Amino acid sequence: MPTSNQAATGAFGQSFLQPDIHLFKQNLFYLETLNTKQKLYHKKIFRTAMLFQFVNVLLQVLVHKSHDLLQEEIGIAIYNMASVDFDSFYSGFLPEFLASCDGIDTNQKSVLGRNFKMDRVWLSFGCDLPSFTQNVHRLVNDLRYYRLCNDSLPPGTVKL
């Protein structure tokens, strides 16, 4: 049975699935404020039970362009969540996210993963926000591009 904190965070997370951009912006602000004041993203329960869902929803929002006016704020929030443990983000979350993506083949998923990888030297010094968000937006744009290309192919076409 979930604790009251887990239930509250889950309900809070559900609000990000709503189409209302004002509600989304307000809740993203509150989520970031909780992180600033309470180190929410560092809490074990958040990292183990909720991080994937939050980052996944934020990336899906970027992919579907449903809240395009908030690209910068969403990129910052993803960075703040990933920065708690970049190694886990790159080795755990990213492959899992790509594996769950529909509309692209295994090779395209592999290319997207390789293009987002950062070398160990870069990771050991910490990832800077502009580079990370640039990579997030490139990932999102490339994912959209692959889906668009794949959707435009006639049935039975061999994908390159």
N, C-alpha and C. Protein backbone atom coordinates (compact mmCIF):
# COMPACT_ATOMS: atom_id res chain seq x y z
N MET A 1 0.85 -1.18 0.00
CA MET A 1 0.00 0.00 0.00
C MET A 1 0.89 1.25 0.00
N PRO A 2 0.63 2.19 -0.90
CA PRO A 2 1.47 3.39 -0.96
C PRO A 2 1.30 4.27 0.26
N THR A 3 2.37 4.94 0.64
CA THR A 3 2.31 5.90 1.74
C THR A 3 1.55 7.13 1.25
N SER A 4 1.22 8.01 2.18
CA SER A 4 0.51 9.23 1.79
C SER A 4 1.38 10.10 0.89
N ASN A 5 2.71 10.11 1.15
CA ASN A 5 3.63 10.86 0.29
C ASN A 5 3.66 10.31 -1.12
N GLN A 6 3.69 8.97 -1.24
CA GLN A 6 3.69 8.34 -2.56
C GLN A 6 2.38 8.62 -3.29
N ALA A 7 1.27 8.53 -2.58
CA ALA A 7 -0.03 8.79 -3.19
C ALA A 7 -0.13 10.24 -3.65
N ALA A 8 0.35 11.16 -2.82
CA ALA A 8 0.32 12.57 -3.18
C ALA A 8 1.19 12.85 -4.40
N THR A 9 2.39 12.26 -4.41
CA THR A 9 3.29 12.46 -5.53
C THR A 9 2.72 11.82 -6.79
N GLY A 10 2.08 10.66 -6.64
CA GLY A 10 1.44 10.01 -7.78
C GLY A 10 0.32 10.85 -8.36
N ALA A 11 -0.50 11.42 -7.49
CA ALA A 11 -1.58 12.30 -7.94
C ALA A 11 -1.00 13.55 -8.60
N PHE A 12 0.06 14.05 -8.01
CA PHE A 12 0.75 15.21 -8.58
C PHE A 12 1.26 14.87 -9.97
N GLY A 13 1.86 13.69 -10.11
CA GLY A 13 2.36 13.24 -11.40
C GLY A 13 1.27 13.10 -12.43
N GLN A 14 0.10 12.65 -12.02
CA GLN A 14 -1.03 12.51 -12.94
C GLN A 14 -1.45 13.85 -13.54
N SER A 15 -1.23 14.92 -12.79
CA SER A 15 -1.61 16.24 -13.28
C SER A 15 -0.81 16.63 -14.52
N PHE A 16 0.38 16.02 -14.70
CA PHE A 16 1.20 16.31 -15.88
C PHE A 16 0.64 15.67 -17.14
N LEU A 17 -0.33 14.80 -16.97
CA LEU A 17 -0.95 14.15 -18.13
C LEU A 17 -2.15 14.96 -18.65
N GLN A 18 -2.50 16.02 -17.97
CA GLN A 18 -3.63 16.85 -18.37
C GLN A 18 -3.22 17.82 -19.49
N PRO A 19 -4.15 18.15 -20.37
CA PRO A 19 -3.81 19.03 -21.50
C PRO A 19 -3.67 20.52 -21.13
N ASP A 20 -4.11 20.92 -19.95
CA ASP A 20 -4.08 22.31 -19.54
C ASP A 20 -2.64 22.78 -19.32
N ILE A 21 -2.15 23.65 -20.19
CA ILE A 21 -0.76 24.10 -20.13
C ILE A 21 -0.49 24.95 -18.88
N HIS A 22 -1.49 25.67 -18.43
CA HIS A 22 -1.30 26.50 -17.22
C HIS A 22 -1.13 25.63 -15.98
N LEU A 23 -1.94 24.57 -15.89
CA LEU A 23 -1.82 23.63 -14.78
C LEU A 23 -0.46 22.92 -14.85
N PHE A 24 -0.06 22.53 -16.04
CA PHE A 24 1.22 21.88 -16.24
C PHE A 24 2.36 22.78 -15.77
N LYS A 25 2.34 24.03 -16.22
CA LYS A 25 3.40 24.99 -15.85
C LYS A 25 3.44 25.21 -14.34
N GLN A 26 2.27 25.39 -13.73
CA GLN A 26 2.19 25.61 -12.30
C GLN A 26 2.75 24.40 -11.54
N ASN A 27 2.36 23.20 -11.96
CA ASN A 27 2.81 22.01 -11.25
C ASN A 27 4.29 21.72 -11.49
N LEU A 28 4.79 22.05 -12.66
CA LEU A 28 6.22 21.91 -12.91
C LEU A 28 7.00 22.86 -11.99
N PHE A 29 6.50 24.07 -11.83
CA PHE A 29 7.10 25.04 -10.92
C PHE A 29 7.10 24.49 -9.49
N TYR A 30 5.98 23.93 -9.04
CA TYR A 30 5.89 23.38 -7.68
C TYR A 30 6.83 22.19 -7.50
N LEU A 31 6.93 21.34 -8.52
CA LEU A 31 7.83 20.20 -8.44
C LEU A 31 9.28 20.66 -8.30
N GLU A 32 9.67 21.63 -9.10
CA GLU A 32 11.03 22.17 -9.02
C GLU A 32 11.26 22.87 -7.68
N THR A 33 10.25 23.55 -7.16
CA THR A 33 10.36 24.21 -5.86
C THR A 33 10.56 23.18 -4.75
N LEU A 34 9.80 22.08 -4.81
CA LEU A 34 9.97 21.00 -3.83
C LEU A 34 11.39 20.45 -3.89
N ASN A 35 11.91 20.32 -5.09
CA ASN A 35 13.28 19.83 -5.21
C ASN A 35 14.28 20.83 -4.62
N THR A 36 14.09 22.10 -4.90
CA THR A 36 15.00 23.12 -4.38
C THR A 36 14.97 23.16 -2.86
N LYS A 37 13.79 23.12 -2.30
CA LYS A 37 13.65 23.28 -0.85
C LYS A 37 13.85 21.98 -0.07
N GLN A 38 13.40 20.85 -0.64
CA GLN A 38 13.41 19.58 0.10
C GLN A 38 14.31 18.51 -0.52
N LYS A 39 15.01 18.86 -1.61
CA LYS A 39 15.85 17.88 -2.32
C LYS A 39 15.03 16.64 -2.71
N LEU A 40 13.84 16.89 -3.26
CA LEU A 40 12.92 15.82 -3.62
C LEU A 40 13.58 14.78 -4.52
N TYR A 41 14.30 15.23 -5.55
CA TYR A 41 14.87 14.30 -6.52
C TYR A 41 15.95 13.42 -5.93
N HIS A 42 16.51 13.81 -4.79
CA HIS A 42 17.54 13.03 -4.13
C HIS A 42 16.96 11.96 -3.20
N LYS A 43 15.69 12.08 -2.86
CA LYS A 43 15.06 11.12 -1.95
C LYS A 43 15.01 9.75 -2.60
N LYS A 44 15.36 8.74 -1.83
CA LYS A 44 15.42 7.37 -2.35
C LYS A 44 14.09 6.94 -2.96
N ILE A 45 13.01 7.24 -2.31
CA ILE A 45 11.70 6.82 -2.81
C ILE A 45 11.40 7.46 -4.17
N PHE A 46 11.80 8.70 -4.34
CA PHE A 46 11.59 9.36 -5.63
C PHE A 46 12.46 8.72 -6.70
N ARG A 47 13.73 8.51 -6.37
CA ARG A 47 14.66 7.94 -7.36
C ARG A 47 14.27 6.53 -7.76
N THR A 48 13.78 5.73 -6.82
CA THR A 48 13.49 4.33 -7.14
C THR A 48 12.08 4.10 -7.67
N ALA A 49 11.12 4.91 -7.24
CA ALA A 49 9.74 4.63 -7.60
C ALA A 49 9.10 5.64 -8.55
N MET A 50 9.66 6.84 -8.66
CA MET A 50 8.95 7.88 -9.41
C MET A 50 9.77 8.57 -10.49
N LEU A 51 11.08 8.52 -10.38
CA LEU A 51 11.93 9.25 -11.33
C LEU A 51 11.63 8.86 -12.78
N PHE A 52 11.59 7.56 -13.06
CA PHE A 52 11.36 7.12 -14.43
C PHE A 52 10.05 7.69 -14.97
N GLN A 53 8.98 7.60 -14.16
CA GLN A 53 7.69 8.08 -14.63
C GLN A 53 7.69 9.58 -14.92
N PHE A 54 8.29 10.35 -14.04
CA PHE A 54 8.31 11.80 -14.24
C PHE A 54 9.13 12.18 -15.48
N VAL A 55 10.34 11.64 -15.60
CA VAL A 55 11.17 11.96 -16.76
C VAL A 55 10.51 11.45 -18.03
N ASN A 56 9.92 10.28 -17.97
CA ASN A 56 9.23 9.72 -19.13
C ASN A 56 8.10 10.62 -19.59
N VAL A 57 7.28 11.07 -18.66
CA VAL A 57 6.17 11.96 -19.01
C VAL A 57 6.69 13.27 -19.60
N LEU A 58 7.72 13.82 -19.00
CA LEU A 58 8.26 15.08 -19.50
C LEU A 58 8.84 14.92 -20.91
N LEU A 59 9.54 13.82 -21.15
CA LEU A 59 10.06 13.58 -22.50
C LEU A 59 8.93 13.35 -23.50
N GLN A 60 7.91 12.62 -23.09
CA GLN A 60 6.77 12.38 -23.99
C GLN A 60 6.05 13.68 -24.34
N VAL A 61 5.96 14.57 -23.37
CA VAL A 61 5.36 15.89 -23.63
C VAL A 61 6.18 16.63 -24.69
N LEU A 62 7.50 16.55 -24.59
CA LEU A 62 8.35 17.19 -25.59
C LEU A 62 8.19 16.52 -26.96
N VAL A 63 8.15 15.20 -26.98
CA VAL A 63 8.01 14.47 -28.25
C VAL A 63 6.70 14.81 -28.93
N HIS A 64 5.63 14.90 -28.17
CA HIS A 64 4.30 15.14 -28.75
C HIS A 64 3.98 16.61 -28.93
N LYS A 65 4.90 17.48 -28.51
CA LYS A 65 4.73 18.93 -28.65
C LYS A 65 3.44 19.45 -28.03
N SER A 66 2.96 18.79 -27.00
CA SER A 66 1.69 19.19 -26.40
C SER A 66 1.81 20.46 -25.55
N HIS A 67 3.00 20.72 -25.06
CA HIS A 67 3.23 21.92 -24.24
C HIS A 67 4.52 22.60 -24.72
N ASP A 68 4.59 22.84 -26.00
CA ASP A 68 5.82 23.33 -26.63
C ASP A 68 6.31 24.66 -26.04
N LEU A 69 5.40 25.47 -25.53
CA LEU A 69 5.81 26.75 -24.95
C LEU A 69 6.68 26.58 -23.71
N LEU A 70 6.67 25.38 -23.14
CA LEU A 70 7.40 25.12 -21.89
C LEU A 70 8.65 24.27 -22.12
N GLN A 71 9.16 24.24 -23.36
CA GLN A 71 10.33 23.41 -23.67
C GLN A 71 11.50 23.66 -22.72
N GLU A 72 11.80 24.92 -22.50
CA GLU A 72 12.96 25.27 -21.67
C GLU A 72 12.76 24.80 -20.23
N GLU A 73 11.59 25.05 -19.66
CA GLU A 73 11.31 24.64 -18.28
C GLU A 73 11.34 23.12 -18.14
N ILE A 74 10.81 22.42 -19.14
CA ILE A 74 10.80 20.96 -19.11
C ILE A 74 12.22 20.43 -19.20
N GLY A 75 13.03 21.01 -20.08
CA GLY A 75 14.43 20.59 -20.20
C GLY A 75 15.20 20.78 -18.91
N ILE A 76 14.96 21.88 -18.22
CA ILE A 76 15.61 22.14 -16.93
C ILE A 76 15.18 21.11 -15.89
N ALA A 77 13.90 20.81 -15.86
CA ALA A 77 13.41 19.82 -14.89
C ALA A 77 14.01 18.44 -15.16
N ILE A 78 14.09 18.05 -16.43
CA ILE A 78 14.71 16.76 -16.76
C ILE A 78 16.17 16.76 -16.33
N TYR A 79 16.87 17.85 -16.60
CA TYR A 79 18.27 17.97 -16.17
C TYR A 79 18.38 17.81 -14.65
N ASN A 80 17.54 18.51 -13.91
CA ASN A 80 17.61 18.45 -12.45
C ASN A 80 17.36 17.04 -11.93
N MET A 81 16.45 16.32 -12.57
CA MET A 81 16.18 14.94 -12.16
C MET A 81 17.36 14.03 -12.52
N ALA A 82 17.88 14.19 -13.73
CA ALA A 82 18.98 13.34 -14.19
C ALA A 82 20.27 13.63 -13.43
N SER A 83 20.47 14.88 -13.03
CA SER A 83 21.74 15.27 -12.40
C SER A 83 21.95 14.63 -11.03
N VAL A 84 20.91 14.09 -10.45
CA VAL A 84 21.07 13.39 -9.17
C VAL A 84 22.01 12.21 -9.36
N ASP A 85 21.92 11.54 -10.52
CA ASP A 85 22.78 10.39 -10.81
C ASP A 85 22.85 10.22 -12.33
N PHE A 86 23.77 10.96 -12.96
CA PHE A 86 23.89 10.89 -14.42
C PHE A 86 24.19 9.49 -14.92
N ASP A 87 25.03 8.75 -14.19
CA ASP A 87 25.34 7.39 -14.63
C ASP A 87 24.08 6.54 -14.73
N SER A 88 23.21 6.61 -13.73
CA SER A 88 21.96 5.85 -13.78
C SER A 88 21.05 6.33 -14.89
N PHE A 89 21.07 7.63 -15.13
CA PHE A 89 20.24 8.18 -16.20
C PHE A 89 20.68 7.59 -17.54
N TYR A 90 21.99 7.62 -17.82
CA TYR A 90 22.50 7.15 -19.10
C TYR A 90 22.47 5.63 -19.23
N SER A 91 22.78 4.92 -18.16
CA SER A 91 22.86 3.47 -18.25
C SER A 91 21.54 2.76 -17.96
N GLY A 92 20.63 3.43 -17.25
CA GLY A 92 19.37 2.80 -16.88
C GLY A 92 18.16 3.42 -17.55
N PHE A 93 17.94 4.69 -17.26
CA PHE A 93 16.72 5.32 -17.77
C PHE A 93 16.70 5.42 -19.28
N LEU A 94 17.75 5.94 -19.88
CA LEU A 94 17.75 6.20 -21.32
C LEU A 94 17.50 4.93 -22.13
N PRO A 95 18.21 3.82 -21.86
CA PRO A 95 17.91 2.60 -22.62
C PRO A 95 16.48 2.11 -22.41
N GLU A 96 15.98 2.24 -21.18
CA GLU A 96 14.61 1.81 -20.88
C GLU A 96 13.60 2.70 -21.62
N PHE A 97 13.86 4.00 -21.63
CA PHE A 97 12.98 4.92 -22.35
C PHE A 97 12.96 4.59 -23.83
N LEU A 98 14.13 4.42 -24.42
CA LEU A 98 14.20 4.12 -25.85
C LEU A 98 13.55 2.78 -26.18
N ALA A 99 13.72 1.80 -25.31
CA ALA A 99 13.09 0.49 -25.54
C ALA A 99 11.57 0.60 -25.55
N SER A 100 11.03 1.56 -24.80
CA SER A 100 9.57 1.72 -24.72
C SER A 100 9.00 2.57 -25.85
N CYS A 101 9.86 3.16 -26.68
CA CYS A 101 9.39 4.05 -27.75
C CYS A 101 8.79 3.25 -28.90
N ASP A 102 7.59 3.62 -29.28
CA ASP A 102 6.92 3.01 -30.42
C ASP A 102 7.25 3.79 -31.68
N GLY A 103 7.11 3.13 -32.81
CA GLY A 103 7.25 3.81 -34.10
C GLY A 103 8.66 3.91 -34.62
N ILE A 104 9.63 3.32 -33.91
CA ILE A 104 11.01 3.30 -34.39
C ILE A 104 11.55 1.88 -34.20
N ASP A 105 12.50 1.52 -35.05
CA ASP A 105 13.04 0.17 -34.98
C ASP A 105 14.25 0.11 -34.05
N THR A 106 14.74 -1.10 -33.85
CA THR A 106 15.85 -1.34 -32.92
C THR A 106 17.10 -0.57 -33.31
N ASN A 107 17.42 -0.53 -34.59
CA ASN A 107 18.60 0.19 -35.04
C ASN A 107 18.46 1.69 -34.74
N GLN A 108 17.28 2.25 -34.99
CA GLN A 108 17.05 3.67 -34.72
C GLN A 108 17.17 3.96 -33.23
N LYS A 109 16.67 3.07 -32.40
CA LYS A 109 16.80 3.23 -30.95
C LYS A 109 18.26 3.22 -30.54
N SER A 110 19.02 2.34 -31.15
CA SER A 110 20.45 2.26 -30.86
C SER A 110 21.17 3.55 -31.25
N VAL A 111 20.84 4.08 -32.42
CA VAL A 111 21.45 5.34 -32.88
C VAL A 111 21.09 6.47 -31.92
N LEU A 112 19.83 6.55 -31.51
CA LEU A 112 19.41 7.59 -30.58
C LEU A 112 20.18 7.49 -29.26
N GLY A 113 20.36 6.28 -28.77
CA GLY A 113 21.10 6.07 -27.53
C GLY A 113 22.56 6.46 -27.66
N ARG A 114 23.19 6.06 -28.77
CA ARG A 114 24.60 6.41 -28.99
C ARG A 114 24.78 7.91 -29.13
N ASN A 115 23.85 8.58 -29.80
CA ASN A 115 23.97 10.02 -30.00
C ASN A 115 23.80 10.81 -28.71
N PHE A 116 23.16 10.22 -27.72
CA PHE A 116 22.93 10.92 -26.45
C PHE A 116 24.03 10.62 -25.44
N LYS A 117 24.80 9.59 -25.65
CA LYS A 117 25.82 9.20 -24.68
C LYS A 117 26.88 10.28 -24.50
N MET A 118 27.33 10.42 -23.29
CA MET A 118 28.41 11.34 -22.97
C MET A 118 29.61 10.51 -22.53
N ASP A 119 30.79 10.98 -22.83
CA ASP A 119 31.97 10.21 -22.43
C ASP A 119 32.20 10.34 -20.93
N ARG A 120 33.01 9.44 -20.41
CA ARG A 120 33.26 9.37 -18.97
C ARG A 120 33.91 10.65 -18.43
N VAL A 121 34.80 11.26 -19.19
CA VAL A 121 35.46 12.49 -18.73
C VAL A 121 34.42 13.57 -18.50
N TRP A 122 33.50 13.70 -19.46
CA TRP A 122 32.45 14.70 -19.35
C TRP A 122 31.57 14.42 -18.14
N LEU A 123 31.23 13.14 -17.94
CA LEU A 123 30.39 12.78 -16.80
C LEU A 123 31.10 13.01 -15.46
N SER A 124 32.40 12.74 -15.41
CA SER A 124 33.11 12.87 -14.14
C SER A 124 33.20 14.33 -13.67
N PHE A 125 33.16 15.27 -14.60
CA PHE A 125 33.17 16.68 -14.23
C PHE A 125 31.77 17.24 -14.04
N GLY A 126 30.78 16.44 -14.33
CA GLY A 126 29.40 16.90 -14.24
C GLY A 126 28.95 17.45 -15.57
N CYS A 127 27.72 17.25 -15.83
CA CYS A 127 27.13 17.68 -17.09
C CYS A 127 26.59 19.09 -16.92
N ASP A 128 26.84 19.93 -17.90
CA ASP A 128 26.31 21.28 -17.78
C ASP A 128 24.90 21.33 -18.37
N LEU A 129 24.11 22.20 -17.84
CA LEU A 129 22.71 22.33 -18.23
C LEU A 129 22.53 22.58 -19.72
N PRO A 130 23.23 23.55 -20.32
CA PRO A 130 23.01 23.80 -21.76
C PRO A 130 23.31 22.59 -22.65
N SER A 131 24.40 21.88 -22.36
CA SER A 131 24.75 20.70 -23.17
C SER A 131 23.71 19.61 -23.00
N PHE A 132 23.29 19.39 -21.77
CA PHE A 132 22.30 18.35 -21.50
C PHE A 132 20.98 18.65 -22.19
N THR A 133 20.48 19.87 -22.02
CA THR A 133 19.18 20.19 -22.63
C THR A 133 19.28 20.18 -24.15
N GLN A 134 20.42 20.55 -24.69
CA GLN A 134 20.61 20.47 -26.14
C GLN A 134 20.51 19.01 -26.59
N ASN A 135 21.11 18.10 -25.82
CA ASN A 135 21.02 16.68 -26.13
C ASN A 135 19.59 16.17 -26.01
N VAL A 136 18.86 16.63 -25.01
CA VAL A 136 17.46 16.23 -24.85
C VAL A 136 16.65 16.67 -26.07
N HIS A 137 16.82 17.91 -26.48
CA HIS A 137 16.05 18.41 -27.62
C HIS A 137 16.46 17.72 -28.92
N ARG A 138 17.74 17.39 -29.07
CA ARG A 138 18.18 16.64 -30.25
C ARG A 138 17.56 15.25 -30.24
N LEU A 139 17.55 14.58 -29.08
CA LEU A 139 16.92 13.26 -28.95
C LEU A 139 15.46 13.33 -29.36
N VAL A 140 14.75 14.31 -28.84
CA VAL A 140 13.33 14.46 -29.12
C VAL A 140 13.09 14.72 -30.61
N ASN A 141 13.88 15.62 -31.19
CA ASN A 141 13.73 15.93 -32.62
C ASN A 141 14.07 14.73 -33.50
N ASP A 142 15.14 14.01 -33.17
CA ASP A 142 15.51 12.83 -33.94
C ASP A 142 14.46 11.73 -33.82
N LEU A 143 13.91 11.57 -32.63
CA LEU A 143 12.84 10.59 -32.43
C LEU A 143 11.62 10.94 -33.28
N ARG A 144 11.23 12.20 -33.26
CA ARG A 144 10.12 12.65 -34.11
C ARG A 144 10.42 12.39 -35.59
N TYR A 145 11.65 12.70 -36.01
CA TYR A 145 12.05 12.52 -37.40
C TYR A 145 11.95 11.05 -37.81
N TYR A 146 12.50 10.16 -36.98
CA TYR A 146 12.43 8.73 -37.29
C TYR A 146 10.98 8.27 -37.40
N ARG A 147 10.14 8.71 -36.49
CA ARG A 147 8.73 8.31 -36.54
C ARG A 147 8.05 8.82 -37.80
N LEU A 148 8.33 10.06 -38.15
CA LEU A 148 7.75 10.65 -39.35
C LEU A 148 8.19 9.88 -40.59
N CYS A 149 9.47 9.59 -40.68
CA CYS A 149 9.99 8.82 -41.82
C CYS A 149 9.36 7.42 -41.87
N ASN A 150 9.32 6.75 -40.73
CA ASN A 150 8.76 5.40 -40.69
C ASN A 150 7.28 5.38 -41.03
N ASP A 151 6.55 6.39 -40.57
CA ASP A 151 5.11 6.46 -40.86
C ASP A 151 4.82 6.74 -42.33
N SER A 152 5.77 7.38 -43.01
CA SER A 152 5.54 7.74 -44.41
C SER A 152 5.92 6.62 -45.38
N LEU A 153 6.56 5.57 -44.89
CA LEU A 153 6.95 4.46 -45.76
C LEU A 153 5.75 3.58 -46.08
N PRO A 154 5.66 3.09 -47.31
CA PRO A 154 4.58 2.14 -47.64
C PRO A 154 4.74 0.85 -46.85
N PRO A 155 3.65 0.16 -46.54
CA PRO A 155 3.74 -1.09 -45.78
C PRO A 155 4.65 -2.09 -46.48
N GLY A 156 5.46 -2.78 -45.72
CA GLY A 156 6.37 -3.78 -46.25
C GLY A 156 7.71 -3.26 -46.71
N THR A 157 7.92 -1.95 -46.63
CA THR A 157 9.19 -1.36 -47.04
C THR A 157 10.27 -1.71 -46.04
N VAL A 158 11.44 -2.00 -46.55
CA VAL A 158 12.58 -2.27 -45.68
C VAL A 158 13.13 -0.94 -45.20
N LYS A 159 13.28 -0.80 -43.89
CA LYS A 159 13.80 0.44 -43.31
C LYS A 159 15.30 0.40 -43.25
N LEU A 160 15.93 1.50 -43.52
CA LEU A 160 17.38 1.58 -43.47
C LEU A 160 17.85 2.04 -42.13
